[in-house]
């Protein structure tokens, strides 16, 4: 685990305890980036047949779905989702 990730997940509070940040679930906004494609902000939701649904965090519009088991088609599916999300504007 990278130090940056550890810092994001554990921050000391005023009482010396630890605050744990949620890093999974439908309420977590993710930054989907990397490679040559456009970066997007999105939320991930469970879908049917092991699919993960990717939505706009502000309005909930679905950008697309990808293989939730991270199979061989996931990369191409995420690339298509990033293209859709990069041109999306909330109404």
PDB file of N, CA and C in Angstrom:
ATOM      1  N   UNK A   1       0.845  -1.168   0.000  1.00  0.00           N
ATOM      2  CA  UNK A   1       0.000   0.000   0.000  1.00  0.00           C
ATOM      3  C   UNK A   1       0.897   1.240   0.000  1.00  0.00           C
ATOM      4  N   UNK A   2       0.577   2.196  -0.861  1.00  0.00           N
ATOM      5  CA  UNK A   2       1.363   3.423  -0.952  1.00  0.00           C
ATOM      6  C   UNK A   2       1.111   4.314   0.265  1.00  0.00           C
ATOM      7  N   UNK A   3       2.100   5.120   0.596  1.00  0.00           N
ATOM      8  CA  UNK A   3       1.967   6.030   1.731  1.00  0.00           C
ATOM      9  C   UNK A   3       0.814   7.000   1.529  1.00  0.00           C
ATOM     10  N   UNK A   4       0.640   7.480   0.308  1.00  0.00           N
ATOM     11  CA  UNK A   4      -0.445   8.413   0.022  1.00  0.00           C
ATOM     12  C   UNK A   4      -1.800   7.795   0.329  1.00  0.00           C
ATOM     13  N   UNK A   5      -1.967   6.540  -0.064  1.00  0.00           N
ATOM     14  CA  UNK A   5      -3.226   5.841   0.204  1.00  0.00           C
ATOM     15  C   UNK A   5      -3.438   5.695   1.703  1.00  0.00           C
ATOM     16  N   UNK A   6      -2.394   5.348   2.437  1.00  0.00           N
ATOM     17  CA  UNK A   6      -2.512   5.224   3.880  1.00  0.00           C
ATOM     18  C   UNK A   6      -2.941   6.547   4.515  1.00  0.00           C
ATOM     19  N   UNK A   7      -2.383   7.643   4.040  1.00  0.00           N
ATOM     20  CA  UNK A   7      -2.745   8.953   4.570  1.00  0.00           C
ATOM     21  C   UNK A   7      -4.203   9.282   4.297  1.00  0.00           C
ATOM     22  N   UNK A   8      -4.685   8.893   3.149  1.00  0.00           N
ATOM     23  CA  UNK A   8      -6.077   9.160   2.809  1.00  0.00           C
ATOM     24  C   UNK A   8      -7.026   8.337   3.670  1.00  0.00           C
ATOM     25  N   UNK A   9      -6.631   7.132   4.022  1.00  0.00           N
ATOM     26  CA  UNK A   9      -7.513   6.244   4.762  1.00  0.00           C
ATOM     27  C   UNK A   9      -7.461   6.461   6.267  1.00  0.00           C
ATOM     28  N   UNK A  10      -6.377   6.958   6.778  1.00  0.00           N
ATOM     29  CA  UNK A  10      -6.215   7.122   8.223  1.00  0.00           C
ATOM     30  C   UNK A  10      -5.700   8.514   8.542  1.00  0.00           C
ATOM     31  N   UNK A  11      -6.495   9.272   9.227  1.00  0.00           N
ATOM     32  CA  UNK A  11      -6.094  10.610   9.653  1.00  0.00           C
ATOM     33  C   UNK A  11      -6.358  10.705  11.151  1.00  0.00           C
ATOM     34  N   UNK A  12      -5.364  11.159  11.900  1.00  0.00           N
ATOM     35  CA  UNK A  12      -5.539  11.275  13.349  1.00  0.00           C
ATOM     36  C   UNK A  12      -6.513  12.404  13.658  1.00  0.00           C
ATOM     37  N   UNK A  13      -7.452  12.154  14.563  1.00  0.00           N
ATOM     38  CA  UNK A  13      -8.372  13.214  14.987  1.00  0.00           C
ATOM     39  C   UNK A  13      -7.818  13.899  16.227  1.00  0.00           C
ATOM     40  N   UNK A  14      -8.540  14.880  16.762  1.00  0.00           N
ATOM     41  CA  UNK A  14      -8.065  15.677  17.895  1.00  0.00           C
ATOM     42  C   UNK A  14      -7.877  14.841  19.161  1.00  0.00           C
ATOM     43  N   UNK A  15      -8.582  13.717  19.271  1.00  0.00           N
ATOM     44  CA  UNK A  15      -8.492  12.873  20.462  1.00  0.00           C
ATOM     45  C   UNK A  15      -7.445  11.774  20.332  1.00  0.00           C
ATOM     46  N   UNK A  16      -6.685  11.783  19.256  1.00  0.00           N
ATOM     47  CA  UNK A  16      -5.655  10.777  19.059  1.00  0.00           C
ATOM     48  C   UNK A  16      -6.165   9.494  18.428  1.00  0.00           C
ATOM     49  N   UNK A  17      -7.463   9.432  18.122  1.00  0.00           N
ATOM     50  CA  UNK A  17      -8.021   8.258  17.458  1.00  0.00           C
ATOM     51  C   UNK A  17      -7.815   8.335  15.958  1.00  0.00           C
ATOM     52  N   UNK A  18      -8.342   7.390  15.261  1.00  0.00           N
ATOM     53  CA  UNK A  18      -8.219   7.383  13.808  1.00  0.00           C
ATOM     54  C   UNK A  18      -9.589   7.547  13.175  1.00  0.00           C
ATOM     55  N   UNK A  19      -9.630   8.332  12.126  1.00  0.00           N
ATOM     56  CA  UNK A  19     -10.836   8.468  11.318  1.00  0.00           C
ATOM     57  C   UNK A  19     -10.615   7.613  10.078  1.00  0.00           C
ATOM     58  N   UNK A  20     -11.509   6.712   9.795  1.00  0.00           N
ATOM     59  CA  UNK A  20     -11.387   5.858   8.606  1.00  0.00           C
ATOM     60  C   UNK A  20     -12.279   6.412   7.511  1.00  0.00           C
ATOM     61  N   UNK A  21     -11.698   6.656   6.354  1.00  0.00           N
ATOM     62  CA  UNK A  21     -12.462   7.139   5.225  1.00  0.00           C
ATOM     63  C   UNK A  21     -12.975   5.956   4.420  1.00  0.00           C
ATOM     64  N   UNK A  22     -14.211   6.060   3.983  1.00  0.00           N
ATOM     65  CA  UNK A  22     -14.801   5.004   3.168  1.00  0.00           C
ATOM     66  C   UNK A  22     -14.135   5.029   1.793  1.00  0.00           C
ATOM     67  N   UNK A  23     -13.718   3.882   1.299  1.00  0.00           N
ATOM     68  CA  UNK A  23     -13.090   3.821  -0.010  1.00  0.00           C
ATOM     69  C   UNK A  23     -13.843   2.891  -0.963  1.00  0.00           C
ATOM     70  N   UNK A  24     -14.955   2.374  -0.541  1.00  0.00           N
ATOM     71  CA  UNK A  24     -15.802   1.540  -1.385  1.00  0.00           C
ATOM     72  C   UNK A  24     -17.243   1.970  -1.197  1.00  0.00           C
ATOM     73  N   UNK A  25     -18.077   1.690  -2.166  1.00  0.00           N
ATOM     74  CA  UNK A  25     -19.500   1.951  -2.034  1.00  0.00           C
ATOM     75  C   UNK A  25     -20.008   3.008  -2.991  1.00  0.00           C
ATOM     76  N   UNK A  26     -21.313   3.130  -3.041  1.00  0.00           N
ATOM     77  CA  UNK A  26     -21.984   3.990  -4.001  1.00  0.00           C
ATOM     78  C   UNK A  26     -21.829   5.471  -3.691  1.00  0.00           C
ATOM     79  N   UNK A  27     -21.494   5.820  -2.467  1.00  0.00           N
ATOM     80  CA  UNK A  27     -21.377   7.234  -2.116  1.00  0.00           C
ATOM     81  C   UNK A  27     -19.968   7.781  -2.335  1.00  0.00           C
ATOM     82  N   UNK A  28     -19.031   6.943  -2.723  1.00  0.00           N
ATOM     83  CA  UNK A  28     -17.652   7.362  -2.912  1.00  0.00           C
ATOM     84  C   UNK A  28     -17.459   7.850  -4.347  1.00  0.00           C
ATOM     85  N   UNK A  29     -17.006   9.086  -4.496  1.00  0.00           N
ATOM     86  CA  UNK A  29     -16.722   9.633  -5.821  1.00  0.00           C
ATOM     87  C   UNK A  29     -15.295   9.253  -6.180  1.00  0.00           C
ATOM     88  N   UNK A  30     -15.145   8.667  -7.346  1.00  0.00           N
ATOM     89  CA  UNK A  30     -13.832   8.187  -7.791  1.00  0.00           C
ATOM     90  C   UNK A  30     -13.335   9.020  -8.963  1.00  0.00           C
ATOM     91  N   UNK A  31     -12.045   9.141  -9.066  1.00  0.00           N
ATOM     92  CA  UNK A  31     -11.424   9.795 -10.195  1.00  0.00           C
ATOM     93  C   UNK A  31     -10.907   8.683 -11.093  1.00  0.00           C
ATOM     94  N   UNK A  32     -11.495   8.527 -12.264  1.00  0.00           N
ATOM     95  CA  UNK A  32     -11.119   7.475 -13.205  1.00  0.00           C
ATOM     96  C   UNK A  32     -10.175   8.109 -14.214  1.00  0.00           C
ATOM     97  N   UNK A  33      -8.915   7.679 -14.190  1.00  0.00           N
ATOM     98  CA  UNK A  33      -7.885   8.330 -14.987  1.00  0.00           C
ATOM     99  C   UNK A  33      -6.827   7.325 -15.422  1.00  0.00           C
ATOM    100  N   UNK A  34      -5.833   7.804 -16.151  1.00  0.00           N
ATOM    101  CA  UNK A  34      -4.726   6.973 -16.603  1.00  0.00           C
ATOM    102  C   UNK A  34      -4.759   6.766 -18.101  1.00  0.00           C
ATOM    103  N   UNK A  35      -3.609   6.537 -18.677  1.00  0.00           N
ATOM    104  CA  UNK A  35      -3.543   6.338 -20.115  1.00  0.00           C
ATOM    105  C   UNK A  35      -3.800   7.621 -20.877  1.00  0.00           C
ATOM    106  N   UNK A  36      -4.250   7.485 -22.117  1.00  0.00           N
ATOM    107  CA  UNK A  36      -4.456   8.635 -22.991  1.00  0.00           C
ATOM    108  C   UNK A  36      -5.875   9.191 -22.942  1.00  0.00           C
ATOM    109  N   UNK A  37      -6.807   8.472 -22.330  1.00  0.00           N
ATOM    110  CA  UNK A  37      -8.204   8.896 -22.315  1.00  0.00           C
ATOM    111  C   UNK A  37      -8.451  10.039 -21.352  1.00  0.00           C
ATOM    112  N   UNK A  38      -9.606  10.694 -21.508  1.00  0.00           N
ATOM    113  CA  UNK A  38      -9.957  11.783 -20.590  1.00  0.00           C
ATOM    114  C   UNK A  38     -10.268  11.253 -19.191  1.00  0.00           C
ATOM    115  N   UNK A  39      -9.967  12.045 -18.190  1.00  0.00           N
ATOM    116  CA  UNK A  39     -10.273  11.684 -16.811  1.00  0.00           C
ATOM    117  C   UNK A  39     -11.697  12.103 -16.483  1.00  0.00           C
ATOM    118  N   UNK A  40     -12.359  11.328 -15.625  1.00  0.00           N
ATOM    119  CA  UNK A  40     -13.715  11.673 -15.208  1.00  0.00           C
ATOM    120  C   UNK A  40     -13.869  11.418 -13.717  1.00  0.00           C
ATOM    121  N   UNK A  41     -14.856  12.082 -13.126  1.00  0.00           N
ATOM    122  CA  UNK A  41     -15.289  11.793 -11.771  1.00  0.00           C
ATOM    123  C   UNK A  41     -16.572  10.995 -11.884  1.00  0.00           C
ATOM    124  N   UNK A  42     -16.706   9.926 -11.107  1.00  0.00           N
ATOM    125  CA  UNK A  42     -17.870   9.056 -11.230  1.00  0.00           C
ATOM    126  C   UNK A  42     -18.100   8.286  -9.935  1.00  0.00           C
ATOM    127  N   UNK A  43     -19.285   7.707  -9.824  1.00  0.00           N
ATOM    128  CA  UNK A  43     -19.597   6.789  -8.737  1.00  0.00           C
ATOM    129  C   UNK A  43     -19.846   5.417  -9.333  1.00  0.00           C
ATOM    130  N   UNK A  44     -19.494   4.368  -8.601  1.00  0.00           N
ATOM    131  CA  UNK A  44     -19.670   2.989  -9.049  1.00  0.00           C
ATOM    132  C   UNK A  44     -20.823   2.363  -8.277  1.00  0.00           C
ATOM    133  N   UNK A  45     -21.686   1.645  -8.984  1.00  0.00           N
ATOM    134  CA  UNK A  45     -22.851   1.004  -8.383  1.00  0.00           C
ATOM    135  C   UNK A  45     -22.933  -0.443  -8.868  1.00  0.00           C
ATOM    136  N   UNK A  46     -23.365  -1.360  -8.010  1.00  0.00           N
ATOM    137  CA  UNK A  46     -23.512  -2.747  -8.461  1.00  0.00           C
ATOM    138  C   UNK A  46     -24.617  -2.846  -9.512  1.00  0.00           C
ATOM    139  N   UNK A  47     -24.378  -3.658 -10.523  1.00  0.00           N
ATOM    140  CA  UNK A  47     -25.369  -3.873 -11.572  1.00  0.00           C
ATOM    141  C   UNK A  47     -25.716  -5.342 -11.689  1.00  0.00           C
ATOM    142  N   UNK A  48     -26.416  -5.676 -12.733  1.00  0.00           N
ATOM    143  CA  UNK A  48     -26.795  -7.060 -12.989  1.00  0.00           C
ATOM    144  C   UNK A  48     -25.646  -7.831 -13.645  1.00  0.00           C
ATOM    145  N   UNK A  49     -25.615  -9.122 -13.463  1.00  0.00           N
ATOM    146  CA  UNK A  49     -24.658 -10.010 -14.127  1.00  0.00           C
ATOM    147  C   UNK A  49     -23.211  -9.566 -13.951  1.00  0.00           C
ATOM    148  N   UNK A  50     -22.830  -9.252 -12.710  1.00  0.00           N
ATOM    149  CA  UNK A  50     -21.456  -8.897 -12.370  1.00  0.00           C
ATOM    150  C   UNK A  50     -20.975  -7.647 -13.091  1.00  0.00           C
ATOM    151  N   UNK A  51     -21.885  -6.795 -13.469  1.00  0.00           N
ATOM    152  CA  UNK A  51     -21.540  -5.520 -14.089  1.00  0.00           C
ATOM    153  C   UNK A  51     -21.479  -4.428 -13.023  1.00  0.00           C
ATOM    154  N   UNK A  52     -20.607  -3.467 -13.218  1.00  0.00           N
ATOM    155  CA  UNK A  52     -20.545  -2.291 -12.365  1.00  0.00           C
ATOM    156  C   UNK A  52     -21.041  -1.118 -13.188  1.00  0.00           C
ATOM    157  N   UNK A  53     -21.978  -0.360 -12.634  1.00  0.00           N
ATOM    158  CA  UNK A  53     -22.571   0.771 -13.321  1.00  0.00           C
ATOM    159  C   UNK A  53     -21.821   2.030 -12.898  1.00  0.00           C
ATOM    160  N   UNK A  54     -21.441   2.863 -13.874  1.00  0.00           N
ATOM    161  CA  UNK A  54     -20.695   4.084 -13.616  1.00  0.00           C
ATOM    162  C   UNK A  54     -21.614   5.272 -13.887  1.00  0.00           C
ATOM    163  N   UNK A  55     -21.748   6.153 -12.886  1.00  0.00           N
ATOM    164  CA  UNK A  55     -22.695   7.273 -12.975  1.00  0.00           C
ATOM    165  C   UNK A  55     -22.035   8.604 -12.655  1.00  0.00           C
ATOM    166  N   UNK A  56     -22.677   9.671 -13.109  1.00  0.00           N
ATOM    167  CA  UNK A  56     -22.276  11.023 -12.740  1.00  0.00           C
ATOM    168  C   UNK A  56     -22.554  11.210 -11.248  1.00  0.00           C
ATOM    169  N   UNK A  57     -21.595  11.706 -10.477  1.00  0.00           N
ATOM    170  CA  UNK A  57     -21.816  11.873  -9.037  1.00  0.00           C
ATOM    171  C   UNK A  57     -22.786  13.003  -8.697  1.00  0.00           C
ATOM    172  N   UNK A  58     -23.038  13.903  -9.631  1.00  0.00           N
ATOM    173  CA  UNK A  58     -23.933  15.032  -9.348  1.00  0.00           C
ATOM    174  C   UNK A  58     -25.379  14.734  -9.708  1.00  0.00           C
ATOM    175  N   UNK A  59     -25.622  14.239 -10.929  1.00  0.00           N
ATOM    176  CA  UNK A  59     -27.007  14.051 -11.374  1.00  0.00           C
ATOM    177  C   UNK A  59     -27.430  12.594 -11.470  1.00  0.00           C
ATOM    178  N   UNK A  60     -26.483  11.652 -11.399  1.00  0.00           N
ATOM    179  CA  UNK A  60     -26.805  10.233 -11.438  1.00  0.00           C
ATOM    180  C   UNK A  60     -26.946   9.639 -12.818  1.00  0.00           C
ATOM    181  N   UNK A  61     -26.708  10.420 -13.877  1.00  0.00           N
ATOM    182  CA  UNK A  61     -26.803   9.871 -15.228  1.00  0.00           C
ATOM    183  C   UNK A  61     -25.791   8.749 -15.405  1.00  0.00           C
ATOM    184  N   UNK A  62     -26.232   7.666 -16.005  1.00  0.00           N
ATOM    185  CA  UNK A  62     -25.352   6.517 -16.236  1.00  0.00           C
ATOM    186  C   UNK A  62     -24.431   6.800 -17.419  1.00  0.00           C
ATOM    187  N   UNK A  63     -23.132   6.648 -17.181  1.00  0.00           N
ATOM    188  CA  UNK A  63     -22.140   6.785 -18.237  1.00  0.00           C
ATOM    189  C   UNK A  63     -21.931   5.468 -18.974  1.00  0.00           C
ATOM    190  N   UNK A  64     -22.148   4.347 -18.289  1.00  0.00           N
ATOM    191  CA  UNK A  64     -21.952   3.043 -18.889  1.00  0.00           C
ATOM    192  C   UNK A  64     -21.757   1.978 -17.831  1.00  0.00           C
ATOM    193  N   UNK A  65     -21.412   0.783 -18.290  1.00  0.00           N
ATOM    194  CA  UNK A  65     -21.193  -0.366 -17.410  1.00  0.00           C
ATOM    195  C   UNK A  65     -19.886  -1.057 -17.792  1.00  0.00           C
ATOM    196  N   UNK A  66     -19.237  -1.655 -16.795  1.00  0.00           N
ATOM    197  CA  UNK A  66     -18.047  -2.446 -17.102  1.00  0.00           C
ATOM    198  C   UNK A  66     -18.076  -3.753 -16.335  1.00  0.00           C
ATOM    199  N   UNK A  67     -17.241  -4.679 -16.764  1.00  0.00           N
ATOM    200  CA  UNK A  67     -17.144  -6.011 -16.187  1.00  0.00           C
ATOM    201  C   UNK A  67     -16.659  -5.895 -14.745  1.00  0.00           C
ATOM    202  N   UNK A  68     -17.564  -6.116 -13.785  1.00  0.00           N
ATOM    203  CA  UNK A  68     -17.254  -5.972 -12.371  1.00  0.00           C
ATOM    204  C   UNK A  68     -16.251  -6.983 -11.853  1.00  0.00           C
ATOM    205  N   UNK A  69     -15.999  -8.037 -12.604  1.00  0.00           N
ATOM    206  CA  UNK A  69     -14.982  -9.007 -12.193  1.00  0.00           C
ATOM    207  C   UNK A  69     -13.621  -8.653 -12.795  1.00  0.00           C
ATOM    208  N   UNK A  70     -13.557  -7.502 -13.458  1.00  0.00           N
ATOM    209  CA  UNK A  70     -12.329  -6.997 -14.067  1.00  0.00           C
ATOM    210  C   UNK A  70     -11.723  -8.020 -15.024  1.00  0.00           C
ATOM    211  N   UNK A  71     -12.566  -8.485 -15.948  1.00  0.00           N
ATOM    212  CA  UNK A  71     -12.134  -9.432 -16.969  1.00  0.00           C
ATOM    213  C   UNK A  71     -11.436  -8.737 -18.124  1.00  0.00           C
ATOM    214  N   UNK A  72     -11.303  -9.452 -19.222  1.00  0.00           N
ATOM    215  CA  UNK A  72     -10.524  -8.976 -20.368  1.00  0.00           C
ATOM    216  C   UNK A  72     -11.155  -7.790 -21.094  1.00  0.00           C
ATOM    217  N   UNK A  73     -12.445  -7.556 -20.927  1.00  0.00           N
ATOM    218  CA  UNK A  73     -13.107  -6.451 -21.626  1.00  0.00           C
ATOM    219  C   UNK A  73     -13.168  -5.163 -20.803  1.00  0.00           C
ATOM    220  N   UNK A  74     -12.720  -5.215 -19.570  1.00  0.00           N
ATOM    221  CA  UNK A  74     -12.859  -4.062 -18.674  1.00  0.00           C
ATOM    222  C   UNK A  74     -12.166  -2.820 -19.209  1.00  0.00           C
ATOM    223  N   UNK A  75     -10.954  -2.950 -19.723  1.00  0.00           N
ATOM    224  CA  UNK A  75     -10.207  -1.780 -20.185  1.00  0.00           C
ATOM    225  C   UNK A  75     -10.953  -1.054 -21.294  1.00  0.00           C
ATOM    226  N   UNK A  76     -11.440  -1.786 -22.279  1.00  0.00           N
ATOM    227  CA  UNK A  76     -12.151  -1.137 -23.389  1.00  0.00           C
ATOM    228  C   UNK A  76     -13.481  -0.539 -22.923  1.00  0.00           C
ATOM    229  N   UNK A  77     -14.146  -1.206 -21.992  1.00  0.00           N
ATOM    230  CA  UNK A  77     -15.402  -0.677 -21.465  1.00  0.00           C
ATOM    231  C   UNK A  77     -15.159   0.623 -20.694  1.00  0.00           C
ATOM    232  N   UNK A  78     -14.129   0.659 -19.870  1.00  0.00           N
ATOM    233  CA  UNK A  78     -13.815   1.877 -19.122  1.00  0.00           C
ATOM    234  C   UNK A  78     -13.391   3.014 -20.049  1.00  0.00           C
ATOM    235  N   UNK A  79     -12.701   2.699 -21.120  1.00  0.00           N
ATOM    236  CA  UNK A  79     -12.318   3.734 -22.086  1.00  0.00           C
ATOM    237  C   UNK A  79     -13.547   4.382 -22.703  1.00  0.00           C
ATOM    238  N   UNK A  80     -14.526   3.565 -23.081  1.00  0.00           N
ATOM    239  CA  UNK A  80     -15.765   4.091 -23.652  1.00  0.00           C
ATOM    240  C   UNK A  80     -16.528   4.926 -22.626  1.00  0.00           C
ATOM    241  N   UNK A  81     -16.556   4.471 -21.386  1.00  0.00           N
ATOM    242  CA  UNK A  81     -17.237   5.202 -20.309  1.00  0.00           C
ATOM    243  C   UNK A  81     -16.570   6.555 -20.085  1.00  0.00           C
ATOM    244  N   UNK A  82     -15.258   6.593 -20.130  1.00  0.00           N
ATOM    245  CA  UNK A  82     -14.532   7.847 -19.928  1.00  0.00           C
ATOM    246  C   UNK A  82     -14.840   8.841 -21.033  1.00  0.00           C
ATOM    247  N   UNK A  83     -14.995   8.372 -22.260  1.00  0.00           N
ATOM    248  CA  UNK A  83     -15.358   9.264 -23.360  1.00  0.00           C
ATOM    249  C   UNK A  83     -16.738   9.865 -23.132  1.00  0.00           C
ATOM    250  N   UNK A  84     -17.694   9.042 -22.723  1.00  0.00           N
ATOM    251  CA  UNK A  84     -19.047   9.525 -22.451  1.00  0.00           C
ATOM    252  C   UNK A  84     -19.034  10.516 -21.293  1.00  0.00           C
ATOM    253  N   UNK A  85     -18.360  10.167 -20.223  1.00  0.00           N
ATOM    254  CA  UNK A  85     -18.325  11.027 -19.043  1.00  0.00           C
ATOM    255  C   UNK A  85     -17.627  12.352 -19.278  1.00  0.00           C
ATOM    256  N   UNK A  86     -16.644  12.369 -20.154  1.00  0.00           N
ATOM    257  CA  UNK A  86     -15.899  13.611 -20.396  1.00  0.00           C
ATOM    258  C   UNK A  86     -16.710  14.637 -21.163  1.00  0.00           C
ATOM    259  N   UNK A  87     -17.741  14.226 -21.871  1.00  0.00           N
ATOM    260  CA  UNK A  87     -18.568  15.161 -22.628  1.00  0.00           C
ATOM    261  C   UNK A  87     -19.903  15.445 -21.917  1.00  0.00           C
ATOM    262  N   UNK A  88     -20.099  14.871 -20.750  1.00  0.00           N
ATOM    263  CA  UNK A  88     -21.356  15.018 -20.011  1.00  0.00           C
ATOM    264  C   UNK A  88     -21.414  16.346 -19.256  1.00  0.00           C
ATOM    265  N   UNK A  89     -22.566  16.983 -19.324  1.00  0.00           N
ATOM    266  CA  UNK A  89     -22.845  18.177 -18.520  1.00  0.00           C
ATOM    267  C   UNK A  89     -24.181  17.981 -17.842  1.00  0.00           C
ATOM    268  N   UNK A  90     -24.231  18.191 -16.540  1.00  0.00           N
ATOM    269  CA  UNK A  90     -25.486  18.039 -15.787  1.00  0.00           C
ATOM    270  C   UNK A  90     -26.473  19.108 -16.235  1.00  0.00           C
ATOM    271  N   UNK A  91     -27.726  18.703 -16.352  1.00  0.00           N
ATOM    272  CA  UNK A  91     -28.767  19.650 -16.755  1.00  0.00           C
ATOM    273  C   UNK A  91     -29.441  20.252 -15.557  1.00  0.00           C
TER     274      UNK A  91
END
